[in-house]
PDB file of N, CA and C in Angstrom:
ATOM      1  N   MET A   1       7.187  21.347   9.526  1.00  0.00           N
ATOM      2  CA  MET A   1       7.712  20.210  10.251  1.00  0.00           C
ATOM      3  C   MET A   1       8.816  19.592   9.402  1.00  0.00           C
ATOM      4  N   SER A   2       9.969  19.352  10.000  1.00  0.00           N
ATOM      5  CA  SER A   2      11.082  18.783   9.262  1.00  0.00           C
ATOM      6  C   SER A   2      11.943  17.968  10.213  1.00  0.00           C
ATOM      7  N   ASP A   3      12.491  16.881   9.711  1.00  0.00           N
ATOM      8  CA  ASP A   3      13.409  16.047  10.473  1.00  0.00           C
ATOM      9  C   ASP A   3      14.217  15.232   9.477  1.00  0.00           C
ATOM     10  N   ASP A   4      15.042  14.314   9.964  1.00  0.00           N
ATOM     11  CA  ASP A   4      15.882  13.519   9.069  1.00  0.00           C
ATOM     12  C   ASP A   4      15.075  12.676   8.092  1.00  0.00           C
ATOM     13  N   LEU A   5      13.884  12.258   8.488  1.00  0.00           N
ATOM     14  CA  LEU A   5      13.030  11.478   7.598  1.00  0.00           C
ATOM     15  C   LEU A   5      12.258  12.365   6.635  1.00  0.00           C
ATOM     16  N   GLY A   6      12.252  13.655   6.882  1.00  0.00           N
ATOM     17  CA  GLY A   6      11.519  14.564   6.019  1.00  0.00           C
ATOM     18  C   GLY A   6      10.024  14.490   6.235  1.00  0.00           C
ATOM     19  N   ARG A   7       9.594  14.370   7.487  1.00  0.00           N
ATOM     20  CA  ARG A   7       8.150  14.345   7.746  1.00  0.00           C
ATOM     21  C   ARG A   7       7.546  15.677   7.325  1.00  0.00           C
ATOM     22  N   LEU A   8       6.552  15.593   6.446  1.00  0.00           N
ATOM     23  CA  LEU A   8       5.855  16.783   5.962  1.00  0.00           C
ATOM     24  C   LEU A   8       4.574  17.047   6.743  1.00  0.00           C
ATOM     25  N   ALA A   9       3.953  15.974   7.220  1.00  0.00           N
ATOM     26  CA  ALA A   9       2.696  16.095   7.963  1.00  0.00           C
ATOM     27  C   ALA A   9       2.537  14.868   8.843  1.00  0.00           C
ATOM     28  N   THR A  10       1.918  15.059   9.990  1.00  0.00           N
ATOM     29  CA  THR A  10       1.582  13.942  10.874  1.00  0.00           C
ATOM     30  C   THR A  10       0.160  14.126  11.381  1.00  0.00           C
ATOM     31  N   ARG A  11      -0.484  13.011  11.626  1.00  0.00           N
ATOM     32  CA  ARG A  11      -1.824  13.021  12.218  1.00  0.00           C
ATOM     33  C   ARG A  11      -1.931  11.827  13.151  1.00  0.00           C
ATOM     34  N   GLU A  12      -2.656  12.007  14.246  1.00  0.00           N
ATOM     35  CA  GLU A  12      -2.939  10.917  15.172  1.00  0.00           C
ATOM     36  C   GLU A  12      -4.447  10.768  15.301  1.00  0.00           C
ATOM     37  N   TYR A  13      -4.875   9.519  15.399  1.00  0.00           N
ATOM     38  CA  TYR A  13      -6.302   9.221  15.496  1.00  0.00           C
ATOM     39  C   TYR A  13      -6.532   8.247  16.647  1.00  0.00           C
ATOM     40  N   ASP A  14      -7.459   8.584  17.531  1.00  0.00           N
ATOM     41  CA  ASP A  14      -7.917   7.641  18.546  1.00  0.00           C
ATOM     42  C   ASP A  14      -8.879   6.693  17.855  1.00  0.00           C
ATOM     43  N   VAL A  15      -8.694   5.389  18.073  1.00  0.00           N
ATOM     44  CA  VAL A  15      -9.496   4.390  17.366  1.00  0.00           C
ATOM     45  C   VAL A  15     -10.033   3.358  18.347  1.00  0.00           C
ATOM     46  N   THR A  16     -11.093   2.684  17.915  1.00  0.00           N
ATOM     47  CA  THR A  16     -11.691   1.603  18.692  1.00  0.00           C
ATOM     48  C   THR A  16     -11.885   0.401  17.779  1.00  0.00           C
ATOM     49  N   LEU A  17     -11.341  -0.745  18.186  1.00  0.00           N
ATOM     50  CA  LEU A  17     -11.530  -1.992  17.445  1.00  0.00           C
ATOM     51  C   LEU A  17     -12.935  -2.525  17.696  1.00  0.00           C
ATOM     52  N   PRO A  18     -13.415  -3.444  16.846  1.00  0.00           N
ATOM     53  CA  PRO A  18     -14.767  -3.989  17.035  1.00  0.00           C
ATOM     54  C   PRO A  18     -15.003  -4.601  18.421  1.00  0.00           C
ATOM     55  N   ASP A  19     -13.945  -5.116  19.066  1.00  0.00           N
ATOM     56  CA  ASP A  19     -14.119  -5.711  20.399  1.00  0.00           C
ATOM     57  C   ASP A  19     -14.107  -4.676  21.524  1.00  0.00           C
ATOM     58  N   GLY A  20     -13.998  -3.390  21.166  1.00  0.00           N
ATOM     59  CA  GLY A  20     -14.004  -2.324  22.158  1.00  0.00           C
ATOM     60  C   GLY A  20     -12.627  -1.841  22.589  1.00  0.00           C
ATOM     61  N   THR A  21     -11.574  -2.536  22.177  1.00  0.00           N
ATOM     62  CA  THR A  21     -10.212  -2.118  22.516  1.00  0.00           C
ATOM     63  C   THR A  21      -9.927  -0.755  21.908  1.00  0.00           C
ATOM     64  N   GLN A  22      -9.385   0.138  22.726  1.00  0.00           N
ATOM     65  CA  GLN A  22      -9.065   1.483  22.246  1.00  0.00           C
ATOM     66  C   GLN A  22      -7.563   1.669  22.146  1.00  0.00           C
ATOM     67  N   GLY A  23      -7.155   2.447  21.165  1.00  0.00           N
ATOM     68  CA  GLY A  23      -5.741   2.730  20.962  1.00  0.00           C
ATOM     69  C   GLY A  23      -5.585   3.936  20.060  1.00  0.00           C
ATOM     70  N   ARG A  24      -4.419   4.036  19.479  1.00  0.00           N
ATOM     71  CA  ARG A  24      -4.116   5.210  18.657  1.00  0.00           C
ATOM     72  C   ARG A  24      -3.296   4.797  17.444  1.00  0.00           C
ATOM     73  N   LEU A  25      -3.601   5.439  16.316  1.00  0.00           N
ATOM     74  CA  LEU A  25      -2.811   5.309  15.091  1.00  0.00           C
ATOM     75  C   LEU A  25      -2.131   6.644  14.838  1.00  0.00           C
ATOM     76  N   ALA A  26      -0.862   6.605  14.461  1.00  0.00           N
ATOM     77  CA  ALA A  26      -0.119   7.829  14.132  1.00  0.00           C
ATOM     78  C   ALA A  26       0.454   7.682  12.727  1.00  0.00           C
ATOM     79  N   PHE A  27       0.049   8.577  11.843  1.00  0.00           N
ATOM     80  CA  PHE A  27       0.476   8.568  10.446  1.00  0.00           C
ATOM     81  C   PHE A  27       1.443   9.712  10.191  1.00  0.00           C
ATOM     82  N   ALA A  28       2.418   9.468   9.331  1.00  0.00           N
ATOM     83  CA  ALA A  28       3.328  10.524   8.882  1.00  0.00           C
ATOM     84  C   ALA A  28       3.462  10.439   7.369  1.00  0.00           C
ATOM     85  N   LEU A  29       3.407  11.579   6.718  1.00  0.00           N
ATOM     86  CA  LEU A  29       3.719  11.718   5.297  1.00  0.00           C
ATOM     87  C   LEU A  29       5.141  12.251   5.233  1.00  0.00           C
ATOM     88  N   CYS A  30       6.013  11.554   4.486  1.00  0.00           N
ATOM     89  CA  CYS A  30       7.425  11.939   4.418  1.00  0.00           C
ATOM     90  C   CYS A  30       7.780  12.462   3.029  1.00  0.00           C
ATOM     91  N   ASP A  31       8.869  13.192   2.965  1.00  0.00           N
ATOM     92  CA  ASP A  31       9.341  13.826   1.730  1.00  0.00           C
ATOM     93  C   ASP A  31      10.077  12.809   0.866  1.00  0.00           C
ATOM     94  N   ILE A  32       9.488  12.465  -0.266  1.00  0.00           N
ATOM     95  CA  ILE A  32      10.051  11.456  -1.160  1.00  0.00           C
ATOM     96  C   ILE A  32      11.318  11.941  -1.863  1.00  0.00           C
ATOM     97  N   THR A  33      11.589  13.229  -1.822  1.00  0.00           N
ATOM     98  CA  THR A  33      12.787  13.762  -2.483  1.00  0.00           C
ATOM     99  C   THR A  33      14.016  13.745  -1.578  1.00  0.00           C
ATOM    100  N   LYS A  34      13.839  13.389  -0.310  1.00  0.00           N
ATOM    101  CA  LYS A  34      14.962  13.376   0.639  1.00  0.00           C
ATOM    102  C   LYS A  34      15.999  12.324   0.254  1.00  0.00           C
ATOM    103  N   ASP A  35      17.216  12.530   0.738  1.00  0.00           N
ATOM    104  CA  ASP A  35      18.314  11.595   0.502  1.00  0.00           C
ATOM    105  C   ASP A  35      18.482  10.716   1.739  1.00  0.00           C
ATOM    106  N   ASN A  36      17.549   9.768   1.898  1.00  0.00           N
ATOM    107  CA  ASN A  36      17.647   8.806   2.997  1.00  0.00           C
ATOM    108  C   ASN A  36      17.156   7.446   2.508  1.00  0.00           C
ATOM    109  N   ALA A  37      17.410   6.411   3.276  1.00  0.00           N
ATOM    110  CA  ALA A  37      17.108   5.043   2.846  1.00  0.00           C
ATOM    111  C   ALA A  37      15.623   4.827   2.564  1.00  0.00           C
ATOM    112  N   LEU A  38      14.750   5.391   3.391  1.00  0.00           N
ATOM    113  CA  LEU A  38      13.316   5.180   3.187  1.00  0.00           C
ATOM    114  C   LEU A  38      12.829   5.869   1.917  1.00  0.00           C
ATOM    115  N   ALA A  39      13.279   7.083   1.670  1.00  0.00           N
ATOM    116  CA  ALA A  39      12.893   7.791   0.442  1.00  0.00           C
ATOM    117  C   ALA A  39      13.451   7.076  -0.786  1.00  0.00           C
ATOM    118  N   HIS A  40      14.681   6.579  -0.701  1.00  0.00           N
ATOM    119  CA  HIS A  40      15.262   5.817  -1.816  1.00  0.00           C
ATOM    120  C   HIS A  40      14.421   4.577  -2.103  1.00  0.00           C
ATOM    121  N   HIS A  41      14.035   3.867  -1.046  1.00  0.00           N
ATOM    122  CA  HIS A  41      13.190   2.676  -1.208  1.00  0.00           C
ATOM    123  C   HIS A  41      11.870   3.050  -1.893  1.00  0.00           C
ATOM    124  N   ALA A  42      11.246   4.109  -1.437  1.00  0.00           N
ATOM    125  CA  ALA A  42       9.969   4.538  -2.022  1.00  0.00           C
ATOM    126  C   ALA A  42      10.131   4.874  -3.502  1.00  0.00           C
ATOM    127  N   ARG A  43      11.191   5.559  -3.851  1.00  0.00           N
ATOM    128  CA  ARG A  43      11.409   5.897  -5.264  1.00  0.00           C
ATOM    129  C   ARG A  43      11.646   4.641  -6.095  1.00  0.00           C
ATOM    130  N   ARG A  44      12.377   3.669  -5.545  1.00  0.00           N
ATOM    131  CA  ARG A  44      12.584   2.401  -6.270  1.00  0.00           C
ATOM    132  C   ARG A  44      11.261   1.686  -6.506  1.00  0.00           C
ATOM    133  N   ARG A  45      10.324   1.849  -5.600  1.00  0.00           N
ATOM    134  CA  ARG A  45       8.994   1.226  -5.734  1.00  0.00           C
ATOM    135  C   ARG A  45       8.077   2.064  -6.632  1.00  0.00           C
ATOM    136  N   GLN A  46       8.598   3.135  -7.199  1.00  0.00           N
ATOM    137  CA  GLN A  46       7.833   4.062  -8.048  1.00  0.00           C
ATOM    138  C   GLN A  46       6.640   4.650  -7.288  1.00  0.00           C
ATOM    139  N   ALA A  47       6.911   5.040  -6.067  1.00  0.00           N
ATOM    140  CA  ALA A  47       5.869   5.586  -5.200  1.00  0.00           C
ATOM    141  C   ALA A  47       5.507   7.009  -5.603  1.00  0.00           C
ATOM    142  N   VAL A  48       4.254   7.362  -5.363  1.00  0.00           N
ATOM    143  CA  VAL A  48       3.840   8.757  -5.477  1.00  0.00           C
ATOM    144  C   VAL A  48       3.988   9.441  -4.116  1.00  0.00           C
ATOM    145  N   ALA A  49       4.022   8.636  -3.046  1.00  0.00           N
ATOM    146  CA  ALA A  49       4.207   9.158  -1.690  1.00  0.00           C
ATOM    147  C   ALA A  49       4.559   7.998  -0.770  1.00  0.00           C
ATOM    148  N   PHE A  50       5.105   8.350   0.401  1.00  0.00           N
ATOM    149  CA  PHE A  50       5.393   7.322   1.399  1.00  0.00           C
ATOM    150  C   PHE A  50       5.384   7.961   2.780  1.00  0.00           C
ATOM    151  N   GLY A  51       5.386   7.102   3.776  1.00  0.00           N
ATOM    152  CA  GLY A  51       5.420   7.600   5.139  1.00  0.00           C
ATOM    153  C   GLY A  51       5.507   6.472   6.138  1.00  0.00           C
ATOM    154  N   LEU A  52       5.171   6.792   7.369  1.00  0.00           N
ATOM    155  CA  LEU A  52       5.244   5.848   8.472  1.00  0.00           C
ATOM    156  C   LEU A  52       3.892   5.756   9.167  1.00  0.00           C
ATOM    157  N   LEU A  53       3.651   4.611   9.768  1.00  0.00           N
ATOM    158  CA  LEU A  53       2.451   4.384  10.566  1.00  0.00           C
ATOM    159  C   LEU A  53       2.880   3.683  11.843  1.00  0.00           C
ATOM    160  N   SER A  54       2.476   4.239  12.973  1.00  0.00           N
ATOM    161  CA  SER A  54       2.772   3.583  14.247  1.00  0.00           C
ATOM    162  C   SER A  54       1.481   3.364  15.028  1.00  0.00           C
ATOM    163  N   PHE A  55       1.576   2.455  15.985  1.00  0.00           N
ATOM    164  CA  PHE A  55       0.415   1.988  16.737  1.00  0.00           C
ATOM    165  C   PHE A  55       0.685   2.138  18.228  1.00  0.00           C
ATOM    166  N   ALA A  56      -0.343   2.463  18.985  1.00  0.00           N
ATOM    167  CA  ALA A  56      -0.219   2.515  20.444  1.00  0.00           C
ATOM    168  C   ALA A  56      -1.413   1.807  21.071  1.00  0.00           C
ATOM    169  N   GLU A  57      -1.114   0.901  22.002  1.00  0.00           N
ATOM    170  CA  GLU A  57      -2.135   0.229  22.814  1.00  0.00           C
ATOM    171  C   GLU A  57      -3.109  -0.603  22.000  1.00  0.00           C
ATOM    172  N   LEU A  58      -2.647  -1.189  20.888  1.00  0.00           N
ATOM    173  CA  LEU A  58      -3.513  -2.004  20.046  1.00  0.00           C
ATOM    174  C   LEU A  58      -2.941  -3.417  19.921  1.00  0.00           C
ATOM    175  N   PRO A  59      -3.757  -4.443  20.270  1.00  0.00           N
ATOM    176  CA  PRO A  59      -3.283  -5.816  20.106  1.00  0.00           C
ATOM    177  C   PRO A  59      -3.156  -6.141  18.617  1.00  0.00           C
ATOM    178  N   ASP A  60      -2.365  -7.130  18.305  1.00  0.00           N
ATOM    179  CA  ASP A  60      -2.139  -7.559  16.915  1.00  0.00           C
ATOM    180  C   ASP A  60      -1.523  -6.456  16.070  1.00  0.00           C
ATOM    181  N   ALA A  61      -0.855  -5.510  16.715  1.00  0.00           N
ATOM    182  CA  ALA A  61      -0.199  -4.417  15.981  1.00  0.00           C
ATOM    183  C   ALA A  61       1.310  -4.640  15.991  1.00  0.00           C
ATOM    184  N   PRO A  62       1.983  -4.200  14.939  1.00  0.00           N
ATOM    185  CA  PRO A  62       3.450  -4.246  14.962  1.00  0.00           C
ATOM    186  C   PRO A  62       3.982  -3.424  16.142  1.00  0.00           C
ATOM    187  N   ARG A  63       5.094  -3.864  16.703  1.00  0.00           N
ATOM    188  CA  ARG A  63       5.706  -3.141  17.825  1.00  0.00           C
ATOM    189  C   ARG A  63       6.367  -1.851  17.349  1.00  0.00           C
ATOM    190  N   ASN A  64       6.911  -1.887  16.131  1.00  0.00           N
ATOM    191  CA  ASN A  64       7.626  -0.740  15.565  1.00  0.00           C
ATOM    192  C   ASN A  64       6.789  -0.089  14.474  1.00  0.00           C
ATOM    193  N   ALA A  65       7.147   1.131  14.135  1.00  0.00           N
ATOM    194  CA  ALA A  65       6.460   1.810  13.029  1.00  0.00           C
ATOM    195  C   ALA A  65       6.650   1.005  11.752  1.00  0.00           C
ATOM    196  N   LEU A  66       5.632   1.007  10.908  1.00  0.00           N
ATOM    197  CA  LEU A  66       5.779   0.360   9.607  1.00  0.00           C
ATOM    198  C   LEU A  66       5.895   1.428   8.531  1.00  0.00           C
ATOM    199  N   LEU A  67       6.485   1.042   7.428  1.00  0.00           N
ATOM    200  CA  LEU A  67       6.659   1.920   6.278  1.00  0.00           C
ATOM    201  C   LEU A  67       5.501   1.695   5.324  1.00  0.00           C
ATOM    202  N   TRP A  68       4.840   2.769   4.900  1.00  0.00           N
ATOM    203  CA  TRP A  68       3.828   2.638   3.852  1.00  0.00           C
ATOM    204  C   TRP A  68       4.342   3.345   2.605  1.00  0.00           C
ATOM    205  N   VAL A  69       4.051   2.731   1.469  1.00  0.00           N
ATOM    206  CA  VAL A  69       4.456   3.258   0.171  1.00  0.00           C
ATOM    207  C   VAL A  69       3.225   3.237  -0.719  1.00  0.00           C
ATOM    208  N   ARG A  70       2.857   4.388  -1.243  1.00  0.00           N
ATOM    209  CA  ARG A  70       1.672   4.504  -2.115  1.00  0.00           C
ATOM    210  C   ARG A  70       2.143   4.621  -3.549  1.00  0.00           C
ATOM    211  N   THR A  71       1.792   3.620  -4.368  1.00  0.00           N
ATOM    212  CA  THR A  71       2.080   3.659  -5.796  1.00  0.00           C
ATOM    213  C   THR A  71       0.772   3.917  -6.529  1.00  0.00           C
ATOM    214  N   ARG A  72       0.849   4.073  -7.824  1.00  0.00           N
ATOM    215  CA  ARG A  72      -0.380   4.242  -8.612  1.00  0.00           C
ATOM    216  C   ARG A  72      -1.230   2.972  -8.597  1.00  0.00           C
ATOM    217  N   ASP A  73      -0.590   1.826  -8.310  1.00  0.00           N
ATOM    218  CA  ASP A  73      -1.282   0.535  -8.337  1.00  0.00           C
ATOM    219  C   ASP A  73      -1.836   0.095  -6.992  1.00  0.00           C
ATOM    220  N   GLY A  74      -1.434   0.735  -5.919  1.00  0.00           N
ATOM    221  CA  GLY A  74      -1.922   0.307  -4.615  1.00  0.00           C
ATOM    222  C   GLY A  74      -1.033   0.774  -3.487  1.00  0.00           C
ATOM    223  N   MET A  75      -1.232   0.149  -2.364  1.00  0.00           N
ATOM    224  CA  MET A  75      -0.537   0.512  -1.138  1.00  0.00           C
ATOM    225  C   MET A  75       0.279  -0.678  -0.675  1.00  0.00           C
ATOM    226  N   GLU A  76       1.528  -0.425  -0.291  1.00  0.00           N
ATOM    227  CA  GLU A  76       2.385  -1.454   0.290  1.00  0.00           C
ATOM    228  C   GLU A  76       2.712  -1.044   1.717  1.00  0.00           C
ATOM    229  N   MET A  77       2.653  -2.013   2.624  1.00  0.00           N
ATOM    230  CA  MET A  77       3.052  -1.758   4.006  1.00  0.00           C
ATOM    231  C   MET A  77       4.141  -2.759   4.370  1.00  0.00           C
ATOM    232  N   THR A  78       5.257  -2.252   4.868  1.00  0.00           N
ATOM    233  CA  THR A  78       6.394  -3.088   5.223  1.00  0.00           C
ATOM    234  C   THR A  78       6.686  -2.923   6.707  1.00  0.00           C
ATOM    235  N   THR A  79       6.677  -4.043   7.420  1.00  0.00           N
ATOM    236  CA  THR A  79       6.980  -4.000   8.846  1.00  0.00           C
ATOM    237  C   THR A  79       8.475  -4.184   9.070  1.00  0.00           C
ATOM    238  N   ALA A  80       8.923  -3.811  10.249  1.00  0.00           N
ATOM    239  CA  ALA A  80      10.318  -4.026  10.638  1.00  0.00           C
ATOM    240  C   ALA A  80      10.574  -5.525  10.760  1.00  0.00           C
ATOM    241  N   ASP A  81      11.826  -5.923  10.621  1.00  0.00           N
ATOM    242  CA  ASP A  81      12.190  -7.333  10.770  1.00  0.00           C
ATOM    243  C   ASP A  81      11.660  -7.874  12.090  1.00  0.00           C
ATOM    244  N   GLY A  82      11.019  -9.028  12.018  1.00  0.00           N
ATOM    245  CA  GLY A  82      10.506  -9.663  13.224  1.00  0.00           C
ATOM    246  C   GLY A  82       9.122  -9.214  13.642  1.00  0.00           C
ATOM    247  N   ASP A  83       8.605  -8.158  13.052  1.00  0.00           N
ATOM    248  CA  ASP A  83       7.248  -7.692  13.359  1.00  0.00           C
ATOM    249  C   ASP A  83       6.248  -8.371  12.432  1.00  0.00           C
ATOM    250  N   ASP A  84       5.051  -8.605  12.950  1.00  0.00           N
ATOM    251  CA  ASP A  84       3.973  -9.154  12.134  1.00  0.00           C
ATOM    252  C   ASP A  84       3.184  -8.022  11.497  1.00  0.00           C
ATOM    253  N   GLN A  85       2.482  -8.346  10.409  1.00  0.00           N
ATOM    254  CA  GLN A  85       1.537  -7.401   9.825  1.00  0.00           C
ATOM    255  C   GLN A  85       0.392  -7.215  10.822  1.00  0.00           C
ATOM    256  N   PRO A  86      -0.300  -6.082  10.771  1.00  0.00           N
ATOM    257  CA  PRO A  86      -1.466  -5.891  11.643  1.00  0.00           C
ATOM    258  C   PRO A  86      -2.500  -6.990  11.414  1.00  0.00           C
ATOM    259  N   GLY A  87      -3.225  -7.371  12.479  1.00  0.00           N
ATOM    260  CA  GLY A  87      -4.289  -8.360  12.362  1.00  0.00           C
ATOM    261  C   GLY A  87      -5.444  -7.845  11.514  1.00  0.00           C
ATOM    262  N   GLY A  88      -6.367  -8.727  11.154  1.00  0.00           N
ATOM    263  CA  GLY A  88      -7.461  -8.416  10.230  1.00  0.00           C
ATOM    264  C   GLY A  88      -8.317  -7.225  10.626  1.00  0.00           C
ATOM    265  N   ASP A  89      -8.819  -7.205  11.874  1.00  0.00           N
ATOM    266  CA  ASP A  89      -9.648  -6.075  12.315  1.00  0.00           C
ATOM    267  C   ASP A  89      -8.850  -4.778  12.278  1.00  0.00           C
ATOM    268  N   LEU A  90      -7.598  -4.870  12.680  1.00  0.00           N
ATOM    269  CA  LEU A  90      -6.750  -3.680  12.691  1.00  0.00           C
ATOM    270  C   LEU A  90      -6.442  -3.215  11.271  1.00  0.00           C
ATOM    271  N   GLN A  91      -6.241  -4.150  10.337  1.00  0.00           N
ATOM    272  CA  GLN A  91      -6.000  -3.764   8.939  1.00  0.00           C
ATOM    273  C   GLN A  91      -7.178  -2.978   8.373  1.00  0.00           C
ATOM    274  N   ARG A  92      -8.385  -3.429   8.676  1.00  0.00           N
ATOM    275  CA  ARG A  92      -9.572  -2.715   8.177  1.00  0.00           C
ATOM    276  C   ARG A  92      -9.661  -1.312   8.782  1.00  0.00           C
ATOM    277  N   LEU A  93      -9.345  -1.199  10.048  1.00  0.00           N
ATOM    278  CA  LEU A  93      -9.343   0.103  10.721  1.00  0.00           C
ATOM    279  C   LEU A  93      -8.269   1.015  10.127  1.00  0.00           C
ATOM    280  N   VAL A  94      -7.092   0.462   9.884  1.00  0.00           N
ATOM    281  CA  VAL A  94      -5.993   1.220   9.278  1.00  0.00           C
ATOM    282  C   VAL A  94      -6.397   1.712   7.892  1.00  0.00           C
ATOM    283  N   ALA A  95      -7.008   0.846   7.088  1.00  0.00           N
ATOM    284  CA  ALA A  95      -7.412   1.237   5.733  1.00  0.00           C
ATOM    285  C   ALA A  95      -8.367   2.430   5.772  1.00  0.00           C
ATOM    286  N   ARG A  96      -9.343   2.393   6.670  1.00  0.00           N
ATOM    287  CA  ARG A  96     -10.289   3.514   6.782  1.00  0.00           C
ATOM    288  C   ARG A  96      -9.568   4.805   7.172  1.00  0.00           C
ATOM    289  N   HIS A  97      -8.594   4.696   8.060  1.00  0.00           N
ATOM    290  CA  HIS A  97      -7.886   5.898   8.510  1.00  0.00           C
ATOM    291  C   HIS A  97      -6.858   6.391   7.503  1.00  0.00           C
ATOM    292  N   PHE A  98      -6.339   5.497   6.658  1.00  0.00           N
ATOM    293  CA  PHE A  98      -5.494   5.971   5.558  1.00  0.00           C
ATOM    294  C   PHE A  98      -6.304   6.899   4.657  1.00  0.00           C
ATOM    295  N   ILE A  99      -7.532   6.533   4.365  1.00  0.00           N
ATOM    296  CA  ILE A  99      -8.387   7.360   3.508  1.00  0.00           C
ATOM    297  C   ILE A  99      -8.600   8.732   4.146  1.00  0.00           C
ATOM    298  N   VAL A 100      -8.863   8.759   5.439  1.00  0.00           N
ATOM    299  CA  VAL A 100      -9.032  10.031   6.158  1.00  0.00           C
ATOM    300  C   VAL A 100      -7.731  10.834   6.120  1.00  0.00           C
ATOM    301  N   PHE A 101      -6.612  10.180   6.434  1.00  0.00           N
ATOM    302  CA  PHE A 101      -5.309  10.852   6.447  1.00  0.00           C
ATOM    303  C   PHE A 101      -4.986  11.430   5.073  1.00  0.00           C
ATOM    304  N   PHE A 102      -5.184  10.639   4.024  1.00  0.00           N
ATOM    305  CA  PHE A 102      -4.873  11.117   2.676  1.00  0.00           C
ATOM    306  C   PHE A 102      -5.727  12.324   2.309  1.00  0.00           C
ATOM    307  N   ASP A 103      -6.972  12.339   2.756  1.00  0.00           N
ATOM    308  CA  ASP A 103      -7.817  13.505   2.501  1.00  0.00           C
ATOM    309  C   ASP A 103      -7.307  14.724   3.278  1.00  0.00           C
ATOM    310  N   GLU A 104      -6.857  14.511   4.504  1.00  0.00           N
ATOM    311  CA  GLU A 104      -6.389  15.628   5.331  1.00  0.00           C
ATOM    312  C   GLU A 104      -5.069  16.226   4.852  1.00  0.00           C
ATOM    313  N   VAL A 105      -4.254  15.450   4.123  1.00  0.00           N
ATOM    314  CA  VAL A 105      -2.957  15.963   3.648  1.00  0.00           C
ATOM    315  C   VAL A 105      -2.978  16.236   2.144  1.00  0.00           C
ATOM    316  N   LYS A 106      -4.164  16.318   1.564  1.00  0.00           N
ATOM    317  CA  LYS A 106      -4.257  16.478   0.107  1.00  0.00           C
ATOM    318  C   LYS A 106      -3.634  17.776  -0.401  1.00  0.00           C
ATOM    319  N   ASP A 107      -3.514  18.791   0.428  1.00  0.00           N
ATOM    320  CA  ASP A 107      -2.840  20.017  -0.018  1.00  0.00           C
ATOM    321  C   ASP A 107      -1.351  19.776  -0.250  1.00  0.00           C
ATOM    322  N   LEU A 108      -0.766  18.850   0.502  1.00  0.00           N
ATOM    323  CA  LEU A 108       0.654  18.511   0.351  1.00  0.00           C
ATOM    324  C   LEU A 108       0.880  17.416  -0.685  1.00  0.00           C
ATOM    325  N   ALA A 109      -0.064  16.505  -0.822  1.00  0.00           N
ATOM    326  CA  ALA A 109       0.061  15.364  -1.734  1.00  0.00           C
ATOM    327  C   ALA A 109      -1.298  15.075  -2.357  1.00  0.00           C
ATOM    328  N   PRO A 110      -1.701  15.875  -3.358  1.00  0.00           N
ATOM    329  CA  PRO A 110      -3.049  15.760  -3.922  1.00  0.00           C
ATOM    330  C   PRO A 110      -3.392  14.378  -4.478  1.00  0.00           C
ATOM    331  N   GLU A 111      -2.410  13.668  -5.057  1.00  0.00           N
ATOM    332  CA  GLU A 111      -2.700  12.360  -5.645  1.00  0.00           C
ATOM    333  C   GLU A 111      -3.193  11.351  -4.621  1.00  0.00           C
ATOM    334  N   LEU A 112      -2.770  11.485  -3.379  1.00  0.00           N
ATOM    335  CA  LEU A 112      -3.163  10.513  -2.360  1.00  0.00           C
ATOM    336  C   LEU A 112      -4.673  10.455  -2.175  1.00  0.00           C
ATOM    337  N   ALA A 113      -5.337  11.565  -2.292  1.00  0.00           N
ATOM    338  CA  ALA A 113      -6.788  11.607  -2.078  1.00  0.00           C
ATOM    339  C   ALA A 113      -7.566  11.151  -3.301  1.00  0.00           C
ATOM    340  N   THR A 114      -6.914  11.076  -4.466  1.00  0.00           N
ATOM    341  CA  THR A 114      -7.651  10.755  -5.690  1.00  0.00           C
ATOM    342  C   THR A 114      -7.401   9.345  -6.210  1.00  0.00           C
ATOM    343  N   LEU A 115      -6.292   8.721  -5.823  1.00  0.00           N
ATOM    344  CA  LEU A 115      -6.013   7.364  -6.295  1.00  0.00           C
ATOM    345  C   LEU A 115      -6.900   6.366  -5.571  1.00  0.00           C
ATOM    346  N   PRO A 116      -7.376   5.323  -6.287  1.00  0.00           N
ATOM    347  CA  PRO A 116      -8.171   4.294  -5.609  1.00  0.00           C
ATOM    348  C   PRO A 116      -7.334   3.612  -4.527  1.00  0.00           C
ATOM    349  N   PHE A 117      -7.966   3.226  -3.453  1.00  0.00           N
ATOM    350  CA  PHE A 117      -7.241   2.650  -2.319  1.00  0.00           C
ATOM    351  C   PHE A 117      -7.447   1.151  -2.266  1.00  0.00           C
ATOM    352  N   HIS A 118      -6.357   0.401  -2.318  1.00  0.00           N
ATOM    353  CA  HIS A 118      -6.366  -1.030  -2.029  1.00  0.00           C
ATOM    354  C   HIS A 118      -4.954  -1.450  -1.652  1.00  0.00           C
ATOM    355  N   LEU A 119      -4.857  -2.484  -0.829  1.00  0.00           N
ATOM    356  CA  LEU A 119      -3.552  -2.979  -0.391  1.00  0.00           C
ATOM    357  C   LEU A 119      -3.053  -4.022  -1.372  1.00  0.00           C
ATOM    358  N   LYS A 120      -1.738  -4.039  -1.587  1.00  0.00           N
ATOM    359  CA  LYS A 120      -1.139  -5.088  -2.410  1.00  0.00           C
ATOM    360  C   LYS A 120       0.053  -5.647  -1.668  1.00  0.00           C
ATOM    361  N   ASP A 121       0.488  -6.830  -2.056  1.00  0.00           N
ATOM    362  CA  ASP A 121       1.649  -7.449  -1.416  1.00  0.00           C
ATOM    363  C   ASP A 121       2.901  -6.707  -1.803  1.00  0.00           C
ATOM    364  N   ALA A 122       3.762  -6.433  -0.825  1.00  0.00           N
ATOM    365  CA  ALA A 122       5.068  -5.824  -1.112  1.00  0.00           C
ATOM    366  C   ALA A 122       6.002  -6.913  -1.613  1.00  0.00           C
ATOM    367  N   SER A 123       6.886  -6.543  -2.514  1.00  0.00           N
ATOM    368  CA  SER A 123       7.861  -7.524  -2.996  1.00  0.00           C
ATOM    369  C   SER A 123       9.244  -6.949  -2.962  1.00  0.00           C
TER     370      SER A 123
END
């Protein structure tokens, strides 16, 4: 799989929020060596990996895909201008699925499955 963003792997997950709302999360692992703005940003953040996360049919979700950047110290998620961060229930659901996604793409990015997972504020 290849495109301008350098997507190396994608996965989609059907999810259910605690209130019963159903939707979908779509994760992409992108090539950090690419010559594009997102890869440059990830390298400036000293990322070990980065990618995109999009949401479908989920309340309290950003309208646009968000950028995730995985550093040795934690995970940063950056939304598009004007978008809100995912709501609390959705953040917990996203965190669980990041762990699943990182395990599923460990052949492409082994560090993702072994680094401790926690969110930190982006700066």
